[in-house]
Amino acid sequence: MAEQNDQNESGEEKREPIRSLADLGAATGVTSSPETPVDVSSLAGPVEAKIDAQGRSYATGKRKNAVARVWIKPGAGRIVVNGRTVETYFARPVLRMMINQPFSAVNRENQFDVHCTVTGGGLSGQAGAVRHGISKALTAYEPTLRPTLKAGGFLTRDSRMVERKKYGRAKARRSFQFSKR
């Protein structure tokens, strides 16, 4: 328990327990009234955009076993995945819609060109990885978009993975078929 140090008349220290935040503020010398809240964003300082010499922003997105390296820059809205257009790489419309969700959430459709390389996993995991990478790259390019993307859940990595196969089992949890005879 933290205690407040004072000296009484005889010069020896008298310790009083700190029972409230006001006592803690008095002990540390920091005072703040309830009418004037402390602005936490000013303590961290302004967040600067991370843009390279070519005017691009980079981020890594992940989902399941898929990893996407994503670069975004201002442009006409072209998306290139592993050297192919998004329409040919992700043929299913649901996957393309999933990739464009971060842009829709922040009203930036067709304003950024996206170039990404994806490895590992299947098409669904790769689309999730690209979406995660685009969201992180947008945050790096325009830090003011972070609250909107965070509220939409685009900056959170979906960490669900396929459970590994165990020894003595047919699959991760399934046992071999029991034989009575």
N, C-alpha and C. Protein backbone atom coordinates (compact mmCIF):
# COMPACT_ATOMS: atom_id res chain seq x y z
N MET A 1 0.84 -1.18 0.00
CA MET A 1 0.00 0.00 0.00
C MET A 1 0.88 1.24 0.00
N ALA A 2 0.62 2.17 -0.91
CA ALA A 2 1.41 3.39 -1.00
C ALA A 2 1.03 4.32 0.15
N GLU A 3 2.04 4.98 0.68
CA GLU A 3 1.78 5.87 1.80
C GLU A 3 2.39 7.24 1.51
N GLN A 4 1.78 8.26 2.14
CA GLN A 4 2.20 9.64 1.94
C GLN A 4 3.20 10.00 3.04
N ASN A 5 4.31 10.66 2.67
CA ASN A 5 5.34 11.02 3.65
C ASN A 5 5.19 12.46 4.08
N ASP A 6 5.15 12.70 5.37
CA ASP A 6 5.14 14.03 5.97
C ASP A 6 6.08 13.99 7.17
N GLN A 7 6.48 15.17 7.64
CA GLN A 7 7.28 15.24 8.85
C GLN A 7 6.48 15.98 9.90
N ASN A 8 6.46 15.43 11.12
CA ASN A 8 5.77 16.14 12.19
C ASN A 8 6.75 17.04 12.93
N GLU A 9 6.33 17.62 14.10
CA GLU A 9 7.11 18.64 14.79
C GLU A 9 8.48 18.14 15.24
N SER A 10 8.61 16.88 15.62
CA SER A 10 9.88 16.38 16.14
C SER A 10 10.87 15.99 15.05
N GLY A 11 10.48 16.09 13.79
CA GLY A 11 11.40 15.82 12.69
C GLY A 11 11.31 14.39 12.17
N GLU A 12 10.57 13.53 12.85
CA GLU A 12 10.45 12.17 12.35
C GLU A 12 9.30 12.08 11.34
N GLU A 13 9.40 11.12 10.44
CA GLU A 13 8.40 11.01 9.37
C GLU A 13 7.12 10.37 9.88
N LYS A 14 6.00 10.96 9.43
CA LYS A 14 4.69 10.42 9.75
C LYS A 14 4.10 9.91 8.45
N ARG A 15 3.60 8.69 8.44
CA ARG A 15 3.07 8.09 7.21
C ARG A 15 1.56 8.00 7.31
N GLU A 16 0.90 8.59 6.29
CA GLU A 16 -0.55 8.49 6.20
C GLU A 16 -0.89 7.65 4.97
N PRO A 17 -1.81 6.72 5.09
CA PRO A 17 -2.18 5.90 3.92
C PRO A 17 -2.92 6.74 2.88
N ILE A 18 -2.71 6.41 1.63
CA ILE A 18 -3.41 7.08 0.53
C ILE A 18 -4.70 6.34 0.29
N ARG A 19 -5.83 7.04 0.48
CA ARG A 19 -7.14 6.41 0.39
C ARG A 19 -7.94 6.81 -0.84
N SER A 20 -7.50 7.86 -1.54
CA SER A 20 -8.26 8.30 -2.70
C SER A 20 -7.29 8.83 -3.76
N LEU A 21 -7.85 9.08 -4.94
CA LEU A 21 -7.03 9.62 -6.02
C LEU A 21 -6.56 11.04 -5.72
N ALA A 22 -7.36 11.78 -4.94
CA ALA A 22 -6.95 13.14 -4.56
C ALA A 22 -5.71 13.08 -3.67
N ASP A 23 -5.67 12.10 -2.73
CA ASP A 23 -4.49 11.93 -1.89
C ASP A 23 -3.27 11.55 -2.73
N LEU A 24 -3.49 10.70 -3.71
CA LEU A 24 -2.40 10.29 -4.59
C LEU A 24 -1.88 11.49 -5.39
N GLY A 25 -2.80 12.32 -5.88
CA GLY A 25 -2.40 13.50 -6.61
C GLY A 25 -1.62 14.47 -5.75
N ALA A 26 -2.06 14.63 -4.49
CA ALA A 26 -1.35 15.52 -3.58
C ALA A 26 0.04 14.96 -3.26
N ALA A 27 0.17 13.65 -3.13
CA ALA A 27 1.46 13.05 -2.81
C ALA A 27 2.44 13.16 -3.97
N THR A 28 1.94 13.05 -5.19
CA THR A 28 2.83 13.12 -6.35
C THR A 28 2.98 14.53 -6.90
N GLY A 29 2.14 15.44 -6.46
CA GLY A 29 2.23 16.82 -6.93
C GLY A 29 1.41 17.08 -8.18
N VAL A 30 0.63 16.13 -8.64
CA VAL A 30 -0.20 16.29 -9.83
C VAL A 30 -1.63 16.51 -9.38
N THR A 31 -2.20 17.61 -9.83
CA THR A 31 -3.59 17.88 -9.47
C THR A 31 -4.40 18.04 -10.74
N SER A 32 -5.62 17.53 -10.71
CA SER A 32 -6.51 17.64 -11.85
C SER A 32 -7.93 17.70 -11.32
N SER A 33 -8.69 18.65 -11.81
CA SER A 33 -10.07 18.77 -11.35
C SER A 33 -10.98 17.99 -12.28
N PRO A 34 -12.16 17.56 -11.80
CA PRO A 34 -13.05 16.78 -12.65
C PRO A 34 -13.60 17.58 -13.82
N GLU A 35 -13.58 18.93 -13.73
CA GLU A 35 -14.11 19.75 -14.82
C GLU A 35 -13.16 19.78 -16.01
N THR A 36 -11.86 19.60 -15.76
CA THR A 36 -10.89 19.66 -16.84
C THR A 36 -10.27 18.27 -17.03
N PRO A 37 -10.83 17.47 -17.94
CA PRO A 37 -10.26 16.14 -18.17
C PRO A 37 -8.92 16.24 -18.88
N VAL A 38 -8.07 15.28 -18.63
CA VAL A 38 -6.76 15.24 -19.26
C VAL A 38 -6.91 14.65 -20.65
N ASP A 39 -6.36 15.32 -21.66
CA ASP A 39 -6.42 14.84 -23.03
C ASP A 39 -5.27 13.86 -23.25
N VAL A 40 -5.60 12.57 -23.35
CA VAL A 40 -4.60 11.53 -23.46
C VAL A 40 -3.91 11.58 -24.83
N SER A 41 -4.63 11.97 -25.87
CA SER A 41 -4.03 12.01 -27.21
C SER A 41 -2.91 13.03 -27.30
N SER A 42 -2.98 14.11 -26.51
CA SER A 42 -1.92 15.11 -26.55
C SER A 42 -0.66 14.60 -25.87
N LEU A 43 -0.80 13.65 -24.94
CA LEU A 43 0.38 13.11 -24.26
C LEU A 43 1.22 12.26 -25.22
N ALA A 44 0.57 11.51 -26.10
CA ALA A 44 1.29 10.65 -27.03
C ALA A 44 1.90 11.44 -28.18
N GLY A 45 1.35 12.59 -28.48
CA GLY A 45 1.85 13.39 -29.59
C GLY A 45 1.12 13.02 -30.87
N PRO A 46 1.28 13.84 -31.90
CA PRO A 46 0.61 13.54 -33.16
C PRO A 46 1.23 12.32 -33.83
N VAL A 47 0.36 11.52 -34.43
CA VAL A 47 0.83 10.34 -35.14
C VAL A 47 1.10 10.72 -36.59
N GLU A 48 2.28 10.38 -37.06
CA GLU A 48 2.65 10.74 -38.43
C GLU A 48 2.42 9.57 -39.36
N ALA A 49 2.11 9.90 -40.60
CA ALA A 49 1.92 8.86 -41.62
C ALA A 49 3.26 8.24 -41.98
N LYS A 50 3.24 6.93 -42.25
CA LYS A 50 4.46 6.22 -42.65
C LYS A 50 4.38 5.96 -44.15
N ILE A 51 5.03 6.83 -44.91
CA ILE A 51 4.99 6.75 -46.36
C ILE A 51 6.43 6.69 -46.87
N ASP A 52 6.71 5.74 -47.79
CA ASP A 52 8.07 5.60 -48.29
C ASP A 52 8.35 6.59 -49.43
N ALA A 53 9.51 6.48 -50.06
CA ALA A 53 9.94 7.43 -51.09
C ALA A 53 9.06 7.37 -52.34
N GLN A 54 8.41 6.23 -52.60
CA GLN A 54 7.52 6.10 -53.77
C GLN A 54 6.09 6.53 -53.46
N GLY A 55 5.84 7.02 -52.25
CA GLY A 55 4.50 7.47 -51.88
C GLY A 55 3.58 6.34 -51.46
N ARG A 56 4.17 5.20 -51.07
CA ARG A 56 3.39 4.04 -50.68
C ARG A 56 3.42 3.84 -49.17
N SER A 57 2.44 3.10 -48.68
CA SER A 57 2.39 2.70 -47.29
C SER A 57 2.36 1.19 -47.26
N TYR A 58 3.10 0.56 -46.33
CA TYR A 58 3.23 -0.90 -46.29
C TYR A 58 2.66 -1.45 -44.99
N ALA A 59 2.07 -2.64 -45.09
CA ALA A 59 1.62 -3.35 -43.89
C ALA A 59 1.55 -4.85 -44.20
N THR A 60 1.62 -5.65 -43.15
CA THR A 60 1.50 -7.09 -43.26
C THR A 60 0.18 -7.51 -42.63
N GLY A 61 -0.61 -8.27 -43.38
CA GLY A 61 -1.87 -8.79 -42.86
C GLY A 61 -1.81 -10.30 -42.73
N LYS A 62 -2.49 -10.83 -41.72
CA LYS A 62 -2.46 -12.27 -41.50
C LYS A 62 -3.85 -12.79 -41.15
N ARG A 63 -4.11 -14.02 -41.60
CA ARG A 63 -5.31 -14.75 -41.18
C ARG A 63 -5.05 -16.23 -41.41
N LYS A 64 -5.41 -17.06 -40.43
CA LYS A 64 -5.12 -18.50 -40.48
C LYS A 64 -3.64 -18.67 -40.81
N ASN A 65 -3.31 -19.40 -41.86
CA ASN A 65 -1.90 -19.57 -42.23
C ASN A 65 -1.48 -18.67 -43.38
N ALA A 66 -2.33 -17.74 -43.79
CA ALA A 66 -2.03 -16.86 -44.91
C ALA A 66 -1.36 -15.57 -44.41
N VAL A 67 -0.38 -15.12 -45.18
CA VAL A 67 0.32 -13.88 -44.87
C VAL A 67 0.31 -13.01 -46.13
N ALA A 68 -0.13 -11.77 -45.98
CA ALA A 68 -0.20 -10.84 -47.13
C ALA A 68 0.69 -9.64 -46.85
N ARG A 69 1.54 -9.33 -47.82
CA ARG A 69 2.33 -8.09 -47.76
C ARG A 69 1.63 -7.10 -48.68
N VAL A 70 1.22 -5.96 -48.12
CA VAL A 70 0.34 -5.03 -48.85
C VAL A 70 0.99 -3.66 -48.93
N TRP A 71 1.00 -3.10 -50.15
CA TRP A 71 1.43 -1.72 -50.37
C TRP A 71 0.25 -0.96 -50.96
N ILE A 72 -0.05 0.23 -50.42
CA ILE A 72 -1.11 1.06 -51.00
C ILE A 72 -0.51 2.42 -51.36
N LYS A 73 -1.07 3.02 -52.41
CA LYS A 73 -0.69 4.38 -52.80
C LYS A 73 -1.89 5.01 -53.48
N PRO A 74 -1.98 6.32 -53.51
CA PRO A 74 -3.12 6.97 -54.18
C PRO A 74 -3.18 6.58 -55.65
N GLY A 75 -4.38 6.30 -56.12
CA GLY A 75 -4.53 5.88 -57.51
C GLY A 75 -5.99 5.72 -57.89
N ALA A 76 -6.22 4.89 -58.90
CA ALA A 76 -7.56 4.73 -59.49
C ALA A 76 -8.34 3.57 -58.89
N GLY A 77 -7.79 2.87 -57.90
CA GLY A 77 -8.52 1.78 -57.28
C GLY A 77 -8.17 0.41 -57.84
N ARG A 78 -7.02 0.27 -58.51
CA ARG A 78 -6.61 -1.03 -59.04
C ARG A 78 -6.03 -1.88 -57.91
N ILE A 79 -6.42 -3.16 -57.88
CA ILE A 79 -5.90 -4.08 -56.88
C ILE A 79 -5.21 -5.23 -57.62
N VAL A 80 -3.92 -5.43 -57.33
CA VAL A 80 -3.14 -6.48 -57.95
C VAL A 80 -2.66 -7.43 -56.86
N VAL A 81 -3.00 -8.72 -57.03
CA VAL A 81 -2.62 -9.75 -56.05
C VAL A 81 -1.73 -10.76 -56.75
N ASN A 82 -0.50 -10.91 -56.28
CA ASN A 82 0.47 -11.84 -56.86
C ASN A 82 0.59 -11.66 -58.38
N GLY A 83 0.59 -10.44 -58.85
CA GLY A 83 0.77 -10.15 -60.27
C GLY A 83 -0.48 -10.29 -61.12
N ARG A 84 -1.61 -10.65 -60.52
CA ARG A 84 -2.86 -10.80 -61.26
C ARG A 84 -3.89 -9.82 -60.70
N THR A 85 -4.87 -9.47 -61.50
CA THR A 85 -5.93 -8.58 -61.01
C THR A 85 -6.77 -9.31 -59.97
N VAL A 86 -7.44 -8.53 -59.13
CA VAL A 86 -8.22 -9.13 -58.06
C VAL A 86 -9.37 -9.97 -58.61
N GLU A 87 -9.89 -9.62 -59.79
CA GLU A 87 -11.00 -10.38 -60.38
C GLU A 87 -10.57 -11.78 -60.81
N THR A 88 -9.34 -11.91 -61.27
CA THR A 88 -8.88 -13.24 -61.68
C THR A 88 -8.35 -14.05 -60.50
N TYR A 89 -7.71 -13.40 -59.52
CA TYR A 89 -7.15 -14.14 -58.39
C TYR A 89 -8.26 -14.59 -57.44
N PHE A 90 -9.13 -13.67 -57.06
CA PHE A 90 -10.27 -14.00 -56.20
C PHE A 90 -11.53 -13.99 -57.07
N ALA A 91 -11.87 -15.15 -57.62
CA ALA A 91 -12.99 -15.22 -58.57
C ALA A 91 -14.35 -15.06 -57.88
N ARG A 92 -14.44 -15.47 -56.62
CA ARG A 92 -15.73 -15.36 -55.91
C ARG A 92 -16.00 -13.92 -55.52
N PRO A 93 -17.20 -13.42 -55.78
CA PRO A 93 -17.53 -12.03 -55.44
C PRO A 93 -17.47 -11.74 -53.94
N VAL A 94 -17.74 -12.76 -53.12
CA VAL A 94 -17.71 -12.57 -51.66
C VAL A 94 -16.30 -12.21 -51.21
N LEU A 95 -15.30 -12.85 -51.79
CA LEU A 95 -13.92 -12.57 -51.40
C LEU A 95 -13.50 -11.17 -51.84
N ARG A 96 -13.93 -10.75 -53.02
CA ARG A 96 -13.62 -9.38 -53.48
C ARG A 96 -14.31 -8.35 -52.61
N MET A 97 -15.57 -8.64 -52.22
CA MET A 97 -16.28 -7.72 -51.33
C MET A 97 -15.56 -7.61 -49.99
N MET A 98 -15.05 -8.74 -49.51
CA MET A 98 -14.33 -8.76 -48.24
C MET A 98 -13.08 -7.88 -48.31
N ILE A 99 -12.38 -7.92 -49.44
CA ILE A 99 -11.17 -7.13 -49.61
C ILE A 99 -11.49 -5.63 -49.65
N ASN A 100 -12.63 -5.27 -50.23
CA ASN A 100 -12.98 -3.85 -50.36
C ASN A 100 -13.66 -3.27 -49.12
N GLN A 101 -13.95 -4.08 -48.11
CA GLN A 101 -14.63 -3.59 -46.91
C GLN A 101 -13.91 -2.44 -46.20
N PRO A 102 -12.59 -2.49 -46.01
CA PRO A 102 -11.93 -1.36 -45.33
C PRO A 102 -12.10 -0.04 -46.08
N PHE A 103 -12.04 -0.08 -47.41
CA PHE A 103 -12.22 1.14 -48.19
C PHE A 103 -13.65 1.67 -48.05
N SER A 104 -14.63 0.78 -48.04
CA SER A 104 -16.03 1.19 -47.88
C SER A 104 -16.28 1.79 -46.52
N ALA A 105 -15.63 1.24 -45.49
CA ALA A 105 -15.84 1.72 -44.12
C ALA A 105 -15.37 3.15 -43.93
N VAL A 106 -14.31 3.54 -44.66
CA VAL A 106 -13.76 4.89 -44.50
C VAL A 106 -14.04 5.79 -45.70
N ASN A 107 -14.95 5.36 -46.58
CA ASN A 107 -15.34 6.13 -47.77
C ASN A 107 -14.14 6.51 -48.64
N ARG A 108 -13.32 5.51 -48.97
CA ARG A 108 -12.15 5.73 -49.82
C ARG A 108 -12.16 4.76 -51.01
N GLU A 109 -13.35 4.41 -51.52
CA GLU A 109 -13.42 3.50 -52.65
C GLU A 109 -12.77 4.13 -53.87
N ASN A 110 -12.02 3.34 -54.62
CA ASN A 110 -11.37 3.76 -55.86
C ASN A 110 -10.44 4.96 -55.70
N GLN A 111 -9.84 5.11 -54.52
CA GLN A 111 -8.90 6.19 -54.29
C GLN A 111 -7.47 5.70 -54.10
N PHE A 112 -7.31 4.38 -53.87
CA PHE A 112 -5.99 3.83 -53.63
C PHE A 112 -5.74 2.63 -54.54
N ASP A 113 -4.51 2.55 -55.06
CA ASP A 113 -4.06 1.35 -55.77
C ASP A 113 -3.43 0.43 -54.73
N VAL A 114 -3.71 -0.86 -54.86
CA VAL A 114 -3.21 -1.85 -53.91
C VAL A 114 -2.36 -2.86 -54.67
N HIS A 115 -1.15 -3.10 -54.18
CA HIS A 115 -0.30 -4.16 -54.72
C HIS A 115 0.05 -5.06 -53.56
N CYS A 116 -0.24 -6.37 -53.69
CA CYS A 116 0.04 -7.27 -52.58
C CYS A 116 0.53 -8.62 -53.07
N THR A 117 1.31 -9.25 -52.20
CA THR A 117 1.74 -10.63 -52.42
C THR A 117 1.22 -11.45 -51.26
N VAL A 118 0.63 -12.61 -51.57
CA VAL A 118 0.00 -13.45 -50.54
C VAL A 118 0.59 -14.84 -50.63
N THR A 119 0.89 -15.43 -49.49
CA THR A 119 1.37 -16.81 -49.44
C THR A 119 0.64 -17.55 -48.33
N GLY A 120 0.54 -18.86 -48.49
CA GLY A 120 -0.01 -19.73 -47.45
C GLY A 120 -1.52 -19.73 -47.41
N GLY A 121 -2.06 -20.79 -46.81
CA GLY A 121 -3.50 -20.89 -46.61
C GLY A 121 -4.28 -21.10 -47.89
N GLY A 122 -5.60 -20.97 -47.78
CA GLY A 122 -6.48 -21.08 -48.94
C GLY A 122 -6.97 -19.71 -49.36
N LEU A 123 -7.88 -19.68 -50.31
CA LEU A 123 -8.35 -18.40 -50.84
C LEU A 123 -9.06 -17.57 -49.79
N SER A 124 -9.88 -18.20 -48.94
CA SER A 124 -10.60 -17.45 -47.91
C SER A 124 -9.64 -16.82 -46.90
N GLY A 125 -8.65 -17.59 -46.46
CA GLY A 125 -7.65 -17.05 -45.53
C GLY A 125 -6.82 -15.96 -46.18
N GLN A 126 -6.51 -16.13 -47.47
CA GLN A 126 -5.73 -15.11 -48.16
C GLN A 126 -6.51 -13.81 -48.31
N ALA A 127 -7.81 -13.92 -48.59
CA ALA A 127 -8.64 -12.72 -48.69
C ALA A 127 -8.71 -12.00 -47.35
N GLY A 128 -8.83 -12.75 -46.27
CA GLY A 128 -8.83 -12.15 -44.93
C GLY A 128 -7.50 -11.49 -44.61
N ALA A 129 -6.41 -12.11 -45.05
CA ALA A 129 -5.08 -11.53 -44.82
C ALA A 129 -4.91 -10.24 -45.61
N VAL A 130 -5.40 -10.21 -46.85
CA VAL A 130 -5.31 -8.99 -47.67
C VAL A 130 -6.15 -7.88 -47.03
N ARG A 131 -7.34 -8.21 -46.54
CA ARG A 131 -8.19 -7.22 -45.88
C ARG A 131 -7.50 -6.64 -44.65
N HIS A 132 -6.89 -7.51 -43.85
CA HIS A 132 -6.18 -7.06 -42.65
C HIS A 132 -5.00 -6.17 -43.04
N GLY A 133 -4.27 -6.55 -44.08
CA GLY A 133 -3.14 -5.75 -44.53
C GLY A 133 -3.55 -4.40 -45.08
N ILE A 134 -4.65 -4.37 -45.85
CA ILE A 134 -5.15 -3.09 -46.37
C ILE A 134 -5.54 -2.17 -45.24
N SER A 135 -6.20 -2.72 -44.22
CA SER A 135 -6.62 -1.90 -43.08
C SER A 135 -5.42 -1.31 -42.36
N LYS A 136 -4.40 -2.13 -42.13
CA LYS A 136 -3.21 -1.63 -41.44
C LYS A 136 -2.46 -0.62 -42.30
N ALA A 137 -2.41 -0.85 -43.62
CA ALA A 137 -1.73 0.09 -44.51
C ALA A 137 -2.48 1.42 -44.57
N LEU A 138 -3.81 1.37 -44.57
CA LEU A 138 -4.60 2.61 -44.55
C LEU A 138 -4.33 3.40 -43.27
N THR A 139 -4.20 2.69 -42.16
CA THR A 139 -3.90 3.35 -40.89
C THR A 139 -2.51 3.98 -40.93
N ALA A 140 -1.57 3.31 -41.57
CA ALA A 140 -0.22 3.87 -41.68
C ALA A 140 -0.21 5.08 -42.61
N TYR A 141 -1.03 5.05 -43.67
CA TYR A 141 -1.07 6.15 -44.63
C TYR A 141 -1.83 7.35 -44.08
N GLU A 142 -2.97 7.08 -43.44
CA GLU A 142 -3.83 8.13 -42.87
C GLU A 142 -4.19 7.76 -41.44
N PRO A 143 -3.39 8.15 -40.44
CA PRO A 143 -3.62 7.73 -39.05
C PRO A 143 -4.98 8.17 -38.50
N THR A 144 -5.62 9.16 -39.09
CA THR A 144 -6.92 9.61 -38.58
C THR A 144 -8.02 8.59 -38.85
N LEU A 145 -7.77 7.61 -39.73
CA LEU A 145 -8.77 6.59 -40.05
C LEU A 145 -8.79 5.46 -39.03
N ARG A 146 -7.82 5.42 -38.12
CA ARG A 146 -7.70 4.31 -37.18
C ARG A 146 -8.95 4.07 -36.34
N PRO A 147 -9.59 5.08 -35.74
CA PRO A 147 -10.79 4.79 -34.92
C PRO A 147 -11.91 4.12 -35.72
N THR A 148 -12.11 4.55 -36.95
CA THR A 148 -13.18 3.96 -37.77
C THR A 148 -12.85 2.51 -38.11
N LEU A 149 -11.61 2.24 -38.50
CA LEU A 149 -11.22 0.88 -38.85
C LEU A 149 -11.21 -0.02 -37.62
N LYS A 150 -10.80 0.52 -36.49
CA LYS A 150 -10.77 -0.25 -35.25
C LYS A 150 -12.18 -0.61 -34.82
N ALA A 151 -13.11 0.34 -34.93
CA ALA A 151 -14.50 0.08 -34.55
C ALA A 151 -15.14 -0.97 -35.46
N GLY A 152 -14.73 -1.01 -36.72
CA GLY A 152 -15.25 -2.01 -37.66
C GLY A 152 -14.62 -3.38 -37.49
N GLY A 153 -13.59 -3.49 -36.67
CA GLY A 153 -12.92 -4.76 -36.43
C GLY A 153 -11.94 -5.16 -37.51
N PHE A 154 -11.51 -4.21 -38.33
CA PHE A 154 -10.61 -4.53 -39.44
C PHE A 154 -9.15 -4.61 -39.01
N LEU A 155 -8.79 -4.03 -37.88
CA LEU A 155 -7.40 -4.04 -37.45
C LEU A 155 -7.08 -5.22 -36.54
N THR A 156 -8.09 -5.99 -36.16
CA THR A 156 -7.90 -7.14 -35.29
C THR A 156 -7.59 -8.36 -36.15
N ARG A 157 -6.50 -9.04 -35.82
CA ARG A 157 -6.13 -10.24 -36.58
C ARG A 157 -7.03 -11.38 -36.13
N ASP A 158 -7.63 -12.07 -37.09
CA ASP A 158 -8.45 -13.24 -36.79
C ASP A 158 -7.49 -14.40 -36.54
N SER A 159 -7.29 -14.75 -35.28
CA SER A 159 -6.23 -15.68 -34.91
C SER A 159 -6.67 -17.13 -34.92
N ARG A 160 -7.88 -17.42 -35.37
CA ARG A 160 -8.33 -18.82 -35.37
C ARG A 160 -7.52 -19.63 -36.37
N MET A 161 -7.04 -20.76 -35.92
CA MET A 161 -6.21 -21.63 -36.75
C MET A 161 -6.83 -23.03 -36.75
N VAL A 162 -6.44 -23.83 -37.72
CA VAL A 162 -6.86 -25.22 -37.75
C VAL A 162 -6.14 -25.96 -36.64
N GLU A 163 -6.89 -26.73 -35.87
CA GLU A 163 -6.29 -27.47 -34.76
C GLU A 163 -5.39 -28.58 -35.32
N ARG A 164 -4.27 -28.81 -34.69
CA ARG A 164 -3.32 -29.80 -35.20
C ARG A 164 -3.81 -31.21 -34.93
N LYS A 165 -3.34 -32.15 -35.75
CA LYS A 165 -3.67 -33.56 -35.57
C LYS A 165 -2.83 -34.12 -34.42
N LYS A 166 -3.48 -34.90 -33.55
CA LYS A 166 -2.78 -35.53 -32.43
C LYS A 166 -2.48 -36.99 -32.75
N TYR A 167 -1.44 -37.51 -32.13
CA TYR A 167 -1.11 -38.92 -32.33
C TYR A 167 -2.17 -39.78 -31.64
N GLY A 168 -2.42 -40.95 -32.19
CA GLY A 168 -3.45 -41.84 -31.64
C GLY A 168 -4.85 -41.44 -32.05
N ARG A 169 -4.97 -40.45 -32.94
CA ARG A 169 -6.27 -39.97 -33.40
C ARG A 169 -6.29 -39.98 -34.93
N ALA A 170 -7.49 -40.09 -35.50
CA ALA A 170 -7.60 -40.07 -36.95
C ALA A 170 -7.42 -38.66 -37.49
N LYS A 171 -7.99 -37.69 -36.77
CA LYS A 171 -7.83 -36.27 -37.13
C LYS A 171 -7.48 -35.53 -35.85
N ALA A 172 -7.86 -34.26 -35.75
CA ALA A 172 -7.49 -33.50 -34.56
C ALA A 172 -8.17 -34.07 -33.31
N ARG A 173 -9.46 -34.42 -33.42
CA ARG A 173 -10.18 -34.94 -32.27
C ARG A 173 -10.84 -36.29 -32.52
N ARG A 174 -11.07 -36.63 -33.79
CA ARG A 174 -11.79 -37.86 -34.11
C ARG A 174 -10.93 -39.07 -33.80
N SER A 175 -11.53 -40.07 -33.11
CA SER A 175 -10.84 -41.31 -32.82
C SER A 175 -10.99 -42.27 -34.00
N PHE A 176 -10.15 -43.28 -34.01
CA PHE A 176 -10.31 -44.33 -35.01
C PHE A 176 -11.58 -45.11 -34.70
N GLN A 177 -12.18 -45.75 -35.72
CA GLN A 177 -13.42 -46.47 -35.51
C GLN A 177 -13.20 -47.64 -34.57
N PHE A 178 -14.11 -47.76 -33.59
CA PHE A 178 -13.99 -48.84 -32.61
C PHE A 178 -14.48 -50.14 -33.21
N SER A 179 -13.74 -51.22 -32.96
CA SER A 179 -14.16 -52.54 -33.45
C SER A 179 -14.31 -53.47 -32.26
N LYS A 180 -15.51 -53.99 -32.08
CA LYS A 180 -15.75 -54.88 -30.94
C LYS A 180 -15.03 -56.21 -31.13
N ARG A 181 -14.99 -56.71 -32.38
CA ARG A 181 -14.33 -58.01 -32.64
C ARG A 181 -13.24 -57.89 -33.67
